[in-house]
Amino acid sequence: MVQKKKGKEAGSAEVEAYLDNVPEPARTTLKRMRAMIRAAAPTEATEAISYKIPSFHYKGTLVWYAAFKHHCSFFPMVLPLAGEFGEQLKKFKTSKGTIQFPVDSPLPAGLVEKIVKARVALNEAKARE
């Protein structure tokens, strides 16, 4: 008998299924992004599929990430962050809360870490209100 996964495991299994369906080289790039996000997020953060793409949640949604035909995207979804990290984002295509990057090259780990930690701080502040 196969047991259904619950909670954190279920979200991770859904994300694994999503990633398994992403063609290379984007699959490897997204797996690297996932590891960077996981390393920067609190240990209590969970993964899920939200809006049909992988996401991390901690006191609300932190970030989404996904593969598309000609690029991958990272969605911190907060416009003030674009201003805060504007200089570091210059070489990437950006729009309303989205950062696009090549299918064969993830965003720099330091940038991902800073953005995730900024999102954590925003979510914690919002939770205190």
Protein backbone atom coordinates (compact mmCIF):
# COMPACT_ATOMS: atom_id res chain seq x y z
CA MET A 1 0.00 0.00 0.00
CA VAL A 2 1.35 3.43 -0.99
CA GLN A 3 0.97 6.11 1.65
CA LYS A 4 0.10 9.60 0.57
CA LYS A 5 2.68 12.18 1.60
CA LYS A 6 1.56 14.89 3.98
CA GLY A 7 2.59 18.45 4.73
CA LYS A 8 6.15 19.44 3.86
CA GLU A 9 6.79 16.10 2.09
CA ALA A 10 3.76 16.51 -0.18
CA GLY A 11 4.91 19.94 -1.34
CA SER A 12 8.40 18.67 -2.01
CA ALA A 13 7.01 15.73 -3.99
CA GLU A 14 4.91 18.10 -6.11
CA VAL A 15 7.96 20.26 -6.79
CA GLU A 16 10.01 17.16 -7.68
CA ALA A 17 7.31 16.16 -10.18
CA TYR A 18 7.38 19.66 -11.71
CA LEU A 19 11.18 19.60 -12.00
CA ASP A 20 11.15 16.11 -13.52
CA ASN A 21 9.09 17.51 -16.40
CA VAL A 22 11.40 20.46 -17.11
CA PRO A 23 13.80 19.81 -20.01
CA GLU A 24 17.55 20.25 -19.63
CA PRO A 25 19.40 22.52 -19.14
CA ALA A 26 16.61 24.37 -17.32
CA ARG A 27 16.00 21.42 -14.95
CA THR A 28 19.54 21.59 -13.57
CA THR A 29 19.34 25.38 -13.35
CA LEU A 30 16.08 25.25 -11.38
CA LYS A 31 17.42 22.55 -9.08
CA ARG A 32 20.35 24.84 -8.30
CA MET A 33 17.92 27.73 -7.68
CA ARG A 34 15.84 25.51 -5.40
CA ALA A 35 18.93 24.61 -3.36
CA MET A 36 19.92 28.28 -3.07
CA ILE A 37 16.42 29.29 -1.94
CA ARG A 38 16.24 26.41 0.53
CA ALA A 39 19.64 27.39 1.99
CA ALA A 40 18.55 31.02 2.47
CA ALA A 41 15.03 30.34 3.77
CA PRO A 42 14.23 29.46 7.38
CA THR A 43 14.14 25.73 8.13
CA GLU A 44 10.38 26.05 8.73
CA ALA A 45 9.81 27.15 5.13
CA THR A 46 7.73 24.80 3.02
CA GLU A 47 7.55 24.13 -0.70
CA ALA A 48 4.48 23.85 -2.84
CA ILE A 49 3.17 24.25 -6.33
CA SER A 50 1.35 27.56 -6.52
CA TYR A 51 0.01 29.04 -9.75
CA LYS A 52 1.34 25.82 -11.37
CA ILE A 53 4.97 26.62 -10.51
CA PRO A 54 7.27 25.85 -7.54
CA SER A 55 7.14 28.18 -4.56
CA PHE A 56 8.51 28.55 -1.06
CA HIS A 57 6.35 29.68 1.85
CA TYR A 58 7.17 31.10 5.25
CA LYS A 59 4.58 33.28 6.99
CA GLY A 60 3.17 33.75 3.49
CA THR A 61 4.68 33.20 0.08
CA LEU A 62 8.40 33.96 -0.16
CA VAL A 63 9.22 33.34 -3.81
CA TRP A 64 8.29 31.38 -6.91
CA TYR A 65 10.58 30.10 -9.67
CA ALA A 66 9.89 28.46 -13.01
CA ALA A 67 11.17 27.45 -16.42
CA PHE A 68 9.82 28.74 -19.69
CA LYS A 69 10.78 28.01 -23.29
CA HIS A 70 13.58 30.60 -23.60
CA HIS A 71 14.31 31.60 -19.99
CA CYS A 72 13.81 30.83 -16.34
CA SER A 73 12.21 33.23 -13.89
CA PHE A 74 12.52 34.05 -10.21
CA PHE A 75 9.50 35.79 -8.71
CA PRO A 76 10.12 37.63 -5.44
CA MET A 77 6.90 39.54 -6.29
CA VAL A 78 7.64 42.70 -4.35
CA LEU A 79 8.43 45.89 -6.23
CA PRO A 80 10.46 47.57 -3.44
CA LEU A 81 13.01 44.77 -3.76
CA ALA A 82 13.65 45.76 -7.38
CA GLY A 83 14.84 49.14 -6.15
CA GLU A 84 16.86 47.67 -3.32
CA PHE A 85 18.71 45.27 -5.63
CA GLY A 86 18.54 47.36 -8.80
CA GLU A 87 22.28 47.56 -9.36
CA GLN A 88 22.69 43.79 -9.01
CA LEU A 89 19.76 43.16 -11.36
CA LYS A 90 21.01 45.37 -14.22
CA LYS A 91 22.20 42.48 -16.37
CA PHE A 92 18.87 40.60 -16.08
CA LYS A 93 15.53 41.29 -17.69
CA THR A 94 13.12 42.36 -14.97
CA SER A 95 9.50 43.36 -14.75
CA LYS A 96 6.87 43.67 -12.02
CA GLY A 97 8.36 41.32 -9.45
CA THR A 98 10.01 38.98 -11.98
CA ILE A 99 13.67 38.39 -12.72
CA GLN A 100 14.44 36.45 -15.90
CA PHE A 101 17.68 34.55 -16.39
CA PRO A 102 19.12 32.08 -18.93
CA VAL A 103 17.92 28.47 -18.90
CA ASP A 104 21.50 27.31 -18.47
CA SER A 105 22.63 29.67 -15.71
CA PRO A 106 20.94 30.40 -12.36
CA LEU A 107 21.04 33.76 -10.68
CA PRO A 108 24.10 34.41 -8.49
CA ALA A 109 23.79 32.63 -5.13
CA GLY A 110 24.56 35.79 -3.16
CA LEU A 111 21.76 37.68 -4.89
CA VAL A 112 19.24 34.88 -4.32
CA GLU A 113 20.22 34.71 -0.66
CA LYS A 114 19.81 38.47 -0.19
CA ILE A 115 16.41 38.51 -1.92
CA VAL A 116 15.08 35.51 0.02
CA LYS A 117 16.26 36.98 3.33
CA ALA A 118 14.63 40.32 2.43
CA ARG A 119 11.38 38.49 1.67
CA VAL A 120 11.61 36.64 4.99
CA ALA A 121 12.02 39.96 6.82
CA LEU A 122 9.02 41.43 4.95
CA ASN A 123 6.84 38.40 5.75
CA GLU A 124 7.87 38.44 9.42
CA ALA A 125 7.10 42.18 9.67
CA LYS A 126 3.72 41.65 8.05
CA ALA A 127 2.96 38.74 10.41
CA ARG A 128 3.71 40.99 13.42
CA GLU A 129 1.22 43.64 12.26
